[in-house]
Amino acid sequence: METINIHEAKTHLSRLIEKAARGESFIIAKAGKPMVKVIPFDQPSEVAQRRLGFLVGQIVVPDDFDQMGSAEIEELFGA
């Protein structure tokens, strides 16, 4: 991934916006230290790319899951 100095980013902002809009991500750095990652607006972030339901059919959650260990928990809290 390309790293661009903040001064260059300010100078060529329009060109860099077009580049990001085409799907090309890049990093803006200040004094060589990465500061921000620029990605296209419609590109999902890494967090949004999580796969829900990928364990369907591989595990079984018991019907009484929310009650499991309740006696021990009550005993620990003195109920």
N, C-alpha and C. Protein backbone atom coordinates (compact mmCIF):
# COMPACT_ATOMS: atom_id res chain seq x y z
N MET A 1 0.85 -1.16 0.00
CA MET A 1 0.00 0.00 0.00
C MET A 1 0.90 1.23 0.00
N GLU A 2 0.56 2.16 -0.83
CA GLU A 2 1.37 3.38 -1.01
C GLU A 2 1.24 4.29 0.20
N THR A 3 2.35 4.89 0.61
CA THR A 3 2.36 5.88 1.68
C THR A 3 2.70 7.24 1.07
N ILE A 4 1.92 8.24 1.41
CA ILE A 4 2.07 9.58 0.84
C ILE A 4 2.30 10.57 1.97
N ASN A 5 3.27 11.45 1.79
CA ASN A 5 3.58 12.49 2.76
C ASN A 5 2.40 13.47 2.84
N ILE A 6 2.15 14.02 4.01
CA ILE A 6 1.02 14.92 4.20
C ILE A 6 1.12 16.17 3.31
N HIS A 7 2.32 16.66 3.08
CA HIS A 7 2.50 17.83 2.21
C HIS A 7 2.08 17.49 0.78
N GLU A 8 2.51 16.34 0.31
CA GLU A 8 2.12 15.90 -1.04
C GLU A 8 0.61 15.68 -1.11
N ALA A 9 0.03 15.15 -0.04
CA ALA A 9 -1.42 14.92 -0.02
C ALA A 9 -2.18 16.23 -0.13
N LYS A 10 -1.70 17.26 0.55
CA LYS A 10 -2.37 18.58 0.45
C LYS A 10 -2.21 19.16 -0.95
N THR A 11 -1.06 18.95 -1.53
CA THR A 11 -0.80 19.50 -2.86
C THR A 11 -1.62 18.81 -3.94
N HIS A 12 -1.82 17.51 -3.81
CA HIS A 12 -2.49 16.72 -4.85
C HIS A 12 -3.80 16.10 -4.35
N LEU A 13 -4.54 16.83 -3.54
CA LEU A 13 -5.74 16.29 -2.92
C LEU A 13 -6.75 15.77 -3.95
N SER A 14 -7.03 16.53 -4.98
CA SER A 14 -8.01 16.10 -5.98
C SER A 14 -7.61 14.79 -6.64
N ARG A 15 -6.35 14.67 -7.02
CA ARG A 15 -5.86 13.45 -7.65
C ARG A 15 -5.97 12.26 -6.69
N LEU A 16 -5.66 12.48 -5.43
CA LEU A 16 -5.72 11.40 -4.44
C LEU A 16 -7.16 10.97 -4.16
N ILE A 17 -8.09 11.93 -4.17
CA ILE A 17 -9.50 11.59 -3.98
C ILE A 17 -9.97 10.70 -5.12
N GLU A 18 -9.60 11.04 -6.33
CA GLU A 18 -9.96 10.21 -7.49
C GLU A 18 -9.36 8.81 -7.37
N LYS A 19 -8.14 8.76 -6.91
CA LYS A 19 -7.46 7.47 -6.74
C LYS A 19 -8.22 6.60 -5.73
N ALA A 20 -8.62 7.18 -4.61
CA ALA A 20 -9.37 6.43 -3.60
C ALA A 20 -10.73 6.01 -4.14
N ALA A 21 -11.37 6.88 -4.91
CA ALA A 21 -12.68 6.56 -5.48
C ALA A 21 -12.60 5.38 -6.44
N ARG A 22 -11.45 5.18 -7.06
CA ARG A 22 -11.24 4.04 -7.96
C ARG A 22 -10.95 2.76 -7.20
N GLY A 23 -10.88 2.85 -5.87
CA GLY A 23 -10.65 1.66 -5.07
C GLY A 23 -9.22 1.46 -4.61
N GLU A 24 -8.36 2.43 -4.87
CA GLU A 24 -6.96 2.32 -4.48
C GLU A 24 -6.75 2.96 -3.11
N SER A 25 -6.56 2.15 -2.10
CA SER A 25 -6.32 2.66 -0.75
C SER A 25 -4.88 3.16 -0.63
N PHE A 26 -4.66 4.11 0.28
CA PHE A 26 -3.31 4.59 0.54
C PHE A 26 -3.24 5.14 1.96
N ILE A 27 -2.02 5.38 2.41
CA ILE A 27 -1.77 5.88 3.76
C ILE A 27 -1.17 7.28 3.65
N ILE A 28 -1.63 8.18 4.50
CA ILE A 28 -1.04 9.52 4.59
C ILE A 28 -0.19 9.54 5.85
N ALA A 29 1.07 9.95 5.69
CA ALA A 29 2.02 9.96 6.79
C ALA A 29 2.52 11.38 7.06
N LYS A 30 2.91 11.61 8.30
CA LYS A 30 3.50 12.90 8.70
C LYS A 30 4.87 12.58 9.27
N ALA A 31 5.90 13.12 8.66
CA ALA A 31 7.29 12.87 9.05
C ALA A 31 7.59 11.37 9.06
N GLY A 32 7.03 10.66 8.08
CA GLY A 32 7.28 9.23 7.95
C GLY A 32 6.43 8.35 8.85
N LYS A 33 5.65 8.95 9.73
CA LYS A 33 4.80 8.18 10.65
C LYS A 33 3.39 8.08 10.06
N PRO A 34 2.89 6.87 9.82
CA PRO A 34 1.54 6.73 9.27
C PRO A 34 0.50 7.38 10.18
N MET A 35 -0.37 8.19 9.59
CA MET A 35 -1.38 8.91 10.37
C MET A 35 -2.80 8.40 10.06
N VAL A 36 -3.13 8.24 8.77
CA VAL A 36 -4.47 7.80 8.39
C VAL A 36 -4.40 6.87 7.19
N LYS A 37 -5.40 6.00 7.10
CA LYS A 37 -5.54 5.13 5.93
C LYS A 37 -6.76 5.63 5.17
N VAL A 38 -6.61 5.91 3.90
CA VAL A 38 -7.70 6.40 3.07
C VAL A 38 -8.20 5.24 2.22
N ILE A 39 -9.52 4.96 2.34
CA ILE A 39 -10.15 3.89 1.57
C ILE A 39 -11.39 4.44 0.91
N PRO A 40 -11.88 3.81 -0.13
CA PRO A 40 -13.11 4.27 -0.78
C PRO A 40 -14.28 4.24 0.22
N PHE A 41 -15.18 5.18 0.10
CA PHE A 41 -16.30 5.30 1.02
C PHE A 41 -17.17 4.06 1.04
N ASP A 42 -17.42 3.46 -0.12
CA ASP A 42 -18.33 2.31 -0.18
C ASP A 42 -17.64 0.98 0.13
N GLN A 43 -16.34 0.99 0.36
CA GLN A 43 -15.62 -0.24 0.68
C GLN A 43 -15.88 -0.58 2.14
N PRO A 44 -16.36 -1.78 2.44
CA PRO A 44 -16.62 -2.14 3.83
C PRO A 44 -15.32 -2.21 4.62
N SER A 45 -15.37 -1.77 5.85
CA SER A 45 -14.18 -1.85 6.69
C SER A 45 -13.93 -3.30 7.07
N GLU A 46 -12.77 -3.56 7.64
CA GLU A 46 -12.43 -4.93 8.02
C GLU A 46 -13.40 -5.47 9.07
N VAL A 47 -13.87 -4.60 9.94
CA VAL A 47 -14.82 -5.04 10.96
C VAL A 47 -16.12 -5.48 10.31
N ALA A 48 -16.57 -4.77 9.29
CA ALA A 48 -17.83 -5.10 8.63
C ALA A 48 -17.74 -6.39 7.82
N GLN A 49 -16.54 -6.87 7.58
CA GLN A 49 -16.37 -8.06 6.76
C GLN A 49 -16.42 -9.36 7.57
N ARG A 50 -16.81 -9.27 8.84
CA ARG A 50 -16.93 -10.49 9.65
C ARG A 50 -17.99 -11.41 9.07
N ARG A 51 -17.75 -12.68 9.18
CA ARG A 51 -18.70 -13.66 8.65
C ARG A 51 -19.61 -14.14 9.76
N LEU A 52 -20.86 -13.77 9.69
CA LEU A 52 -21.84 -14.24 10.66
C LEU A 52 -22.36 -15.60 10.23
N GLY A 53 -22.57 -16.46 11.19
CA GLY A 53 -23.15 -17.75 10.90
C GLY A 53 -22.21 -18.77 10.30
N PHE A 54 -20.92 -18.56 10.37
CA PHE A 54 -19.99 -19.50 9.73
C PHE A 54 -19.89 -20.83 10.47
N LEU A 55 -20.47 -20.93 11.69
CA LEU A 55 -20.46 -22.20 12.42
C LEU A 55 -21.82 -22.89 12.42
N VAL A 56 -22.72 -22.44 11.55
CA VAL A 56 -24.05 -23.04 11.49
C VAL A 56 -23.92 -24.54 11.21
N GLY A 57 -24.60 -25.32 12.05
CA GLY A 57 -24.58 -26.77 11.88
C GLY A 57 -23.38 -27.45 12.51
N GLN A 58 -22.42 -26.68 13.01
CA GLN A 58 -21.23 -27.28 13.59
C GLN A 58 -21.27 -27.30 15.11
N ILE A 59 -22.09 -26.44 15.72
CA ILE A 59 -22.22 -26.42 17.17
C ILE A 59 -23.69 -26.45 17.54
N VAL A 60 -23.95 -26.87 18.77
CA VAL A 60 -25.32 -26.92 19.27
C VAL A 60 -25.35 -26.17 20.60
N VAL A 61 -26.26 -25.21 20.73
CA VAL A 61 -26.43 -24.47 21.97
C VAL A 61 -27.64 -25.07 22.68
N PRO A 62 -27.46 -25.57 23.91
CA PRO A 62 -28.58 -26.18 24.62
C PRO A 62 -29.70 -25.17 24.89
N ASP A 63 -30.93 -25.67 24.97
CA ASP A 63 -32.09 -24.80 25.22
C ASP A 63 -31.98 -24.09 26.57
N ASP A 64 -31.33 -24.73 27.54
CA ASP A 64 -31.22 -24.12 28.88
C ASP A 64 -29.89 -23.39 29.07
N PHE A 65 -29.29 -22.93 27.98
CA PHE A 65 -27.98 -22.28 28.04
C PHE A 65 -27.96 -21.12 29.04
N ASP A 66 -29.03 -20.31 29.05
CA ASP A 66 -29.06 -19.15 29.93
C ASP A 66 -29.28 -19.53 31.40
N GLN A 67 -29.56 -20.78 31.69
CA GLN A 67 -29.76 -21.24 33.06
C GLN A 67 -28.62 -22.13 33.55
N MET A 68 -27.70 -22.48 32.66
CA MET A 68 -26.61 -23.38 33.03
C MET A 68 -25.76 -22.77 34.15
N GLY A 69 -25.54 -23.56 35.19
CA GLY A 69 -24.70 -23.11 36.30
C GLY A 69 -25.39 -22.14 37.23
N SER A 70 -26.70 -21.97 37.10
CA SER A 70 -27.40 -20.98 37.93
C SER A 70 -27.31 -21.30 39.41
N ALA A 71 -27.34 -22.59 39.78
CA ALA A 71 -27.25 -22.97 41.20
C ALA A 71 -25.89 -22.56 41.77
N GLU A 72 -24.84 -22.80 41.02
CA GLU A 72 -23.49 -22.44 41.48
C GLU A 72 -23.34 -20.92 41.58
N ILE A 73 -23.89 -20.20 40.63
CA ILE A 73 -23.81 -18.74 40.64
C ILE A 73 -24.57 -18.18 41.84
N GLU A 74 -25.77 -18.70 42.11
CA GLU A 74 -26.54 -18.25 43.26
C GLU A 74 -25.79 -18.53 44.55
N GLU A 75 -25.13 -19.68 44.62
CA GLU A 75 -24.36 -20.02 45.81
C GLU A 75 -23.20 -19.06 46.01
N LEU A 76 -22.51 -18.70 44.91
CA LEU A 76 -21.38 -17.77 45.00
C LEU A 76 -21.81 -16.40 45.49
N PHE A 77 -23.01 -15.97 45.13
CA PHE A 77 -23.50 -14.65 45.52
C PHE A 77 -24.33 -14.70 46.80
N GLY A 78 -24.42 -15.87 47.41
CA GLY A 78 -25.10 -15.99 48.68
C GLY A 78 -26.60 -15.91 48.62
N ALA A 79 -27.21 -16.29 47.50
CA ALA A 79 -28.67 -16.21 47.38
C ALA A 79 -29.32 -17.46 47.92
